[in-house]
Amino acid sequence: MKKPRVYVETSVVSYLTARPARDIVFAGRQQSTQDWWAGTKERFELVISELVREEAAVGDHDAAQSRLAAISLLPVIGATPEVARLARALVDAKAVPERAGQDAVHIAIAAVHRVPFLVTWNFRHIANAAARPRIEAVCRDAGIDPPLLCTPEQLVVAEDDDEA
């Protein structure tokens, strides 16, 4: 059976590789991300974009190297003219603010490449319940099924799904 594809947005990679946080919320997200990452290989096909690589490479040299190493073996899906059009439509419809255009690109890449899930810790512009209906409407207006925007905690497959 073919594994469902998951677009891994940069915030997930950051939580995966960051030094342990003192803040309990951030520490919990780090642990959830690490647990999710460890269990994903058998259940999902993880993909990234060149944008994820670019964002992961920014900042502290050692931290950037750790992020890049974590994603080095993941397949890369690309930006296309259709991605650019959908990202622009997301911004024009105010589903994603202009200043967060890169977030619109992440959504558009996953949608255009028909990746069913986009996993993120970005609640402001991506996994935002208030923005979700607008994001989904823009994608559907473009004739594209939107990806499910979720956190690592939300994208789990129970070991005993057959017994549920």
C-alpha atoms as a PDB file:
ATOM      1  CA  MET A   1       0.000   0.000   0.000  1.00  0.00           C
ATOM      2  CA  LYS A   2       1.286   3.462  -0.927  1.00  0.00           C
ATOM      3  CA  LYS A   3       2.126   5.679   2.033  1.00  0.00           C
ATOM      4  CA  PRO A   4       0.407   9.062   2.233  1.00  0.00           C
ATOM      5  CA  ARG A   5       2.719  11.967   1.474  1.00  0.00           C
ATOM      6  CA  VAL A   6       3.335  14.698   4.027  1.00  0.00           C
ATOM      7  CA  TYR A   7       4.847  18.097   3.274  1.00  0.00           C
ATOM      8  CA  VAL A   8       7.112  19.002   6.192  1.00  0.00           C
ATOM      9  CA  GLU A   9       7.146  22.764   6.736  1.00  0.00           C
ATOM     10  CA  THR A  10      10.236  24.420   8.204  1.00  0.00           C
ATOM     11  CA  SER A  11       8.857  24.987  11.717  1.00  0.00           C
ATOM     12  CA  VAL A  12       8.676  21.208  12.217  1.00  0.00           C
ATOM     13  CA  VAL A  13      12.334  20.828  11.267  1.00  0.00           C
ATOM     14  CA  SER A  14      13.213  23.641  13.669  1.00  0.00           C
ATOM     15  CA  TYR A  15      11.402  21.988  16.574  1.00  0.00           C
ATOM     16  CA  LEU A  16      12.940  18.639  15.657  1.00  0.00           C
ATOM     17  CA  THR A  17      16.519  19.850  15.865  1.00  0.00           C
ATOM     18  CA  ALA A  18      16.429  22.732  18.366  1.00  0.00           C
ATOM     19  CA  ARG A  19      18.273  22.681  21.669  1.00  0.00           C
ATOM     20  CA  PRO A  20      15.947  21.651  24.512  1.00  0.00           C
ATOM     21  CA  ALA A  21      13.614  24.490  25.409  1.00  0.00           C
ATOM     22  CA  ARG A  22      12.989  25.703  28.944  1.00  0.00           C
ATOM     23  CA  ASP A  23       9.473  26.872  28.142  1.00  0.00           C
ATOM     24  CA  ILE A  24       7.146  23.949  28.835  1.00  0.00           C
ATOM     25  CA  VAL A  25       4.986  24.548  25.731  1.00  0.00           C
ATOM     26  CA  PHE A  26       7.967  24.651  23.410  1.00  0.00           C
ATOM     27  CA  ALA A  27       9.562  21.670  25.153  1.00  0.00           C
ATOM     28  CA  GLY A  28       6.339  19.715  24.680  1.00  0.00           C
ATOM     29  CA  ARG A  29       6.240  20.584  20.986  1.00  0.00           C
ATOM     30  CA  GLN A  30       9.862  19.529  20.630  1.00  0.00           C
ATOM     31  CA  GLN A  31       9.142  16.165  22.245  1.00  0.00           C
ATOM     32  CA  SER A  32       5.979  15.671  20.186  1.00  0.00           C
ATOM     33  CA  THR A  33       7.911  16.479  17.025  1.00  0.00           C
ATOM     34  CA  GLN A  34      10.751  14.104  17.877  1.00  0.00           C
ATOM     35  CA  ASP A  35       8.306  11.301  18.707  1.00  0.00           C
ATOM     36  CA  TRP A  36       6.332  11.936  15.516  1.00  0.00           C
ATOM     37  CA  TRP A  37       9.471  12.054  13.360  1.00  0.00           C
ATOM     38  CA  ALA A  38      10.734   8.762  14.799  1.00  0.00           C
ATOM     39  CA  GLY A  39       7.457   7.017  13.928  1.00  0.00           C
ATOM     40  CA  THR A  40       6.791   8.501  10.498  1.00  0.00           C
ATOM     41  CA  LYS A  41       9.070   6.529   8.217  1.00  0.00           C
ATOM     42  CA  GLU A  42       6.853   3.438   8.146  1.00  0.00           C
ATOM     43  CA  ARG A  43       3.596   5.350   7.842  1.00  0.00           C
ATOM     44  CA  PHE A  44       4.247   8.389   5.642  1.00  0.00           C
ATOM     45  CA  GLU A  45       6.376   9.590   2.755  1.00  0.00           C
ATOM     46  CA  LEU A  46       7.850  12.892   3.914  1.00  0.00           C
ATOM     47  CA  VAL A  47       8.621  15.575   1.326  1.00  0.00           C
ATOM     48  CA  ILE A  48      10.004  19.100   1.475  1.00  0.00           C
ATOM     49  CA  SER A  49      10.542  21.957  -0.953  1.00  0.00           C
ATOM     50  CA  GLU A  50      13.539  24.063  -1.860  1.00  0.00           C
ATOM     51  CA  LEU A  51      11.894  26.783   0.249  1.00  0.00           C
ATOM     52  CA  VAL A  52      12.155  24.529   3.309  1.00  0.00           C
ATOM     53  CA  ARG A  53      15.853  24.008   2.563  1.00  0.00           C
ATOM     54  CA  GLU A  54      16.394  27.747   2.165  1.00  0.00           C
ATOM     55  CA  GLU A  55      14.613  28.573   5.422  1.00  0.00           C
ATOM     56  CA  ALA A  56      16.397  25.753   7.289  1.00  0.00           C
ATOM     57  CA  ALA A  57      19.769  27.125   6.178  1.00  0.00           C
ATOM     58  CA  VAL A  58      19.207  30.551   7.774  1.00  0.00           C
ATOM     59  CA  GLY A  59      20.457  31.546  11.218  1.00  0.00           C
ATOM     60  CA  ASP A  60      23.014  30.076  13.569  1.00  0.00           C
ATOM     61  CA  HIS A  61      25.479  27.993  11.558  1.00  0.00           C
ATOM     62  CA  ASP A  62      25.408  24.910  13.834  1.00  0.00           C
ATOM     63  CA  ALA A  63      21.615  24.976  14.151  1.00  0.00           C
ATOM     64  CA  ALA A  64      21.255  25.383  10.385  1.00  0.00           C
ATOM     65  CA  GLN A  65      23.572  22.444   9.765  1.00  0.00           C
ATOM     66  CA  SER A  66      21.499  20.313  12.132  1.00  0.00           C
ATOM     67  CA  ARG A  67      18.270  21.268  10.350  1.00  0.00           C
ATOM     68  CA  LEU A  68      19.756  20.614   6.925  1.00  0.00           C
ATOM     69  CA  ALA A  69      21.106  17.226   8.028  1.00  0.00           C
ATOM     70  CA  ALA A  70      17.664  16.200   9.306  1.00  0.00           C
ATOM     71  CA  ILE A  71      16.058  16.826   5.913  1.00  0.00           C
ATOM     72  CA  SER A  72      18.959  15.888   3.658  1.00  0.00           C
ATOM     73  CA  LEU A  73      17.424  12.622   2.451  1.00  0.00           C
ATOM     74  CA  LEU A  74      13.863  13.854   1.945  1.00  0.00           C
ATOM     75  CA  PRO A  75      12.551  14.211  -1.619  1.00  0.00           C
ATOM     76  CA  VAL A  76      12.173  17.805  -2.806  1.00  0.00           C
ATOM     77  CA  ILE A  77       9.065  18.952  -4.649  1.00  0.00           C
ATOM     78  CA  GLY A  78       9.391  22.130  -6.650  1.00  0.00           C
ATOM     79  CA  ALA A  79       7.848  25.471  -7.190  1.00  0.00           C
ATOM     80  CA  THR A  80       6.094  25.868 -10.530  1.00  0.00           C
ATOM     81  CA  PRO A  81       4.155  28.656 -12.240  1.00  0.00           C
ATOM     82  CA  GLU A  82       0.978  27.046 -10.875  1.00  0.00           C
ATOM     83  CA  VAL A  83       2.454  27.228  -7.350  1.00  0.00           C
ATOM     84  CA  ALA A  84       3.223  30.923  -7.840  1.00  0.00           C
ATOM     85  CA  ARG A  85      -0.337  31.585  -9.067  1.00  0.00           C
ATOM     86  CA  LEU A  86      -1.923  29.771  -6.132  1.00  0.00           C
ATOM     87  CA  ALA A  87       0.364  31.472  -3.594  1.00  0.00           C
ATOM     88  CA  ARG A  88      -0.566  34.851  -5.103  1.00  0.00           C
ATOM     89  CA  ALA A  89      -4.265  33.921  -4.961  1.00  0.00           C
ATOM     90  CA  LEU A  90      -3.920  32.989  -1.266  1.00  0.00           C
ATOM     91  CA  VAL A  91      -2.412  36.401  -0.545  1.00  0.00           C
ATOM     92  CA  ASP A  92      -4.859  38.299  -2.760  1.00  0.00           C
ATOM     93  CA  ALA A  93      -7.797  36.622  -0.998  1.00  0.00           C
ATOM     94  CA  LYS A  94      -6.260  37.527   2.372  1.00  0.00           C
ATOM     95  CA  ALA A  95      -6.178  33.862   3.318  1.00  0.00           C
ATOM     96  CA  VAL A  96      -2.498  34.511   4.104  1.00  0.00           C
ATOM     97  CA  PRO A  97      -1.192  38.043   4.744  1.00  0.00           C
ATOM     98  CA  GLU A  98       1.151  39.649   2.219  1.00  0.00           C
ATOM     99  CA  ARG A  99       3.970  39.788   4.784  1.00  0.00           C
ATOM    100  CA  ALA A 100       3.716  35.994   5.172  1.00  0.00           C
ATOM    101  CA  GLY A 101       4.008  35.232   1.479  1.00  0.00           C
ATOM    102  CA  GLN A 102       6.443  32.376   2.112  1.00  0.00           C
ATOM    103  CA  ASP A 103       3.735  30.637   4.150  1.00  0.00           C
ATOM    104  CA  ALA A 104       1.408  30.933   1.160  1.00  0.00           C
ATOM    105  CA  VAL A 105       4.123  29.305  -0.951  1.00  0.00           C
ATOM    106  CA  HIS A 106       4.374  26.349   1.449  1.00  0.00           C
ATOM    107  CA  ILE A 107       0.615  25.808   1.222  1.00  0.00           C
ATOM    108  CA  ALA A 108       0.625  26.223  -2.556  1.00  0.00           C
ATOM    109  CA  ILE A 109       3.482  23.759  -3.079  1.00  0.00           C
ATOM    110  CA  ALA A 110       1.716  21.079  -1.044  1.00  0.00           C
ATOM    111  CA  ALA A 111      -1.626  21.758  -2.750  1.00  0.00           C
ATOM    112  CA  VAL A 112      -0.357  21.882  -6.338  1.00  0.00           C
ATOM    113  CA  HIS A 113       1.666  18.691  -5.857  1.00  0.00           C
ATOM    114  CA  ARG A 114      -1.410  17.059  -4.312  1.00  0.00           C
ATOM    115  CA  VAL A 115       0.305  16.258  -1.026  1.00  0.00           C
ATOM    116  CA  PRO A 116      -2.585  15.358   1.289  1.00  0.00           C
ATOM    117  CA  PHE A 117      -0.985  16.688   4.503  1.00  0.00           C
ATOM    118  CA  LEU A 118       1.064  19.752   5.415  1.00  0.00           C
ATOM    119  CA  VAL A 119       2.554  19.408   8.876  1.00  0.00           C
ATOM    120  CA  THR A 120       3.572  22.614  10.678  1.00  0.00           C
ATOM    121  CA  TRP A 121       3.846  24.396  14.003  1.00  0.00           C
ATOM    122  CA  ASN A 122       2.960  27.716  12.341  1.00  0.00           C
ATOM    123  CA  PHE A 123      -0.377  28.579  13.919  1.00  0.00           C
ATOM    124  CA  ARG A 124      -0.319  32.202  12.817  1.00  0.00           C
ATOM    125  CA  HIS A 125      -0.651  31.730   9.066  1.00  0.00           C
ATOM    126  CA  ILE A 126      -0.848  28.015   8.212  1.00  0.00           C
ATOM    127  CA  ALA A 127      -2.464  25.768  10.851  1.00  0.00           C
ATOM    128  CA  ASN A 128      -4.894  28.508  11.816  1.00  0.00           C
ATOM    129  CA  ALA A 129      -8.498  27.462  12.287  1.00  0.00           C
ATOM    130  CA  ALA A 130      -9.781  30.949  11.408  1.00  0.00           C
ATOM    131  CA  ALA A 131      -7.794  31.056   8.150  1.00  0.00           C
ATOM    132  CA  ARG A 132      -8.456  27.463   7.135  1.00  0.00           C
ATOM    133  CA  PRO A 133     -11.828  28.048   5.399  1.00  0.00           C
ATOM    134  CA  ARG A 134     -10.328  30.844   3.248  1.00  0.00           C
ATOM    135  CA  ILE A 135      -7.242  28.771   2.415  1.00  0.00           C
ATOM    136  CA  GLU A 136      -9.402  25.817   1.435  1.00  0.00           C
ATOM    137  CA  ALA A 137     -11.768  28.005  -0.630  1.00  0.00           C
ATOM    138  CA  VAL A 138      -8.899  29.559  -2.599  1.00  0.00           C
ATOM    139  CA  CYS A 139      -7.448  26.133  -3.354  1.00  0.00           C
ATOM    140  CA  ARG A 140     -10.801  24.735  -4.413  1.00  0.00           C
ATOM    141  CA  ASP A 141     -11.528  27.806  -6.564  1.00  0.00           C
ATOM    142  CA  ALA A 142      -8.266  26.976  -8.356  1.00  0.00           C
ATOM    143  CA  GLY A 143      -9.492  23.411  -8.903  1.00  0.00           C
ATOM    144  CA  ILE A 144      -7.086  21.951  -6.338  1.00  0.00           C
ATOM    145  CA  ASP A 145      -7.858  19.952  -3.217  1.00  0.00           C
ATOM    146  CA  PRO A 146      -6.223  21.715  -0.270  1.00  0.00           C
ATOM    147  CA  PRO A 147      -3.844  19.784   1.963  1.00  0.00           C
ATOM    148  CA  LEU A 148      -4.919  19.102   5.523  1.00  0.00           C
ATOM    149  CA  LEU A 149      -2.990  21.649   7.599  1.00  0.00           C
ATOM    150  CA  CYS A 150      -2.007  20.096  10.914  1.00  0.00           C
ATOM    151  CA  THR A 151       0.631  19.713  13.620  1.00  0.00           C
ATOM    152  CA  PRO A 152       2.725  16.607  14.221  1.00  0.00           C
ATOM    153  CA  GLU A 153       0.513  15.882  17.238  1.00  0.00           C
ATOM    154  CA  GLN A 154      -2.546  15.818  15.000  1.00  0.00           C
ATOM    155  CA  LEU A 155      -1.031  13.626  12.298  1.00  0.00           C
ATOM    156  CA  VAL A 156      -0.734  10.305  14.016  1.00  0.00           C
ATOM    157  CA  VAL A 157      -1.819   6.862  13.020  1.00  0.00           C
ATOM    158  CA  ALA A 158      -2.707   4.615  15.912  1.00  0.00           C
ATOM    159  CA  GLU A 159      -0.925   1.295  15.964  1.00  0.00           C
ATOM    160  CA  ASP A 160      -4.239  -0.509  16.533  1.00  0.00           C
ATOM    161  CA  ASP A 161      -6.437   1.338  14.036  1.00  0.00           C
ATOM    162  CA  ASP A 162      -8.066  -1.964  13.061  1.00  0.00           C
ATOM    163  CA  GLU A 163      -9.309  -2.422  16.618  1.00  0.00           C
ATOM    164  CA  ALA A 164     -10.729   1.096  17.047  1.00  0.00           C
END
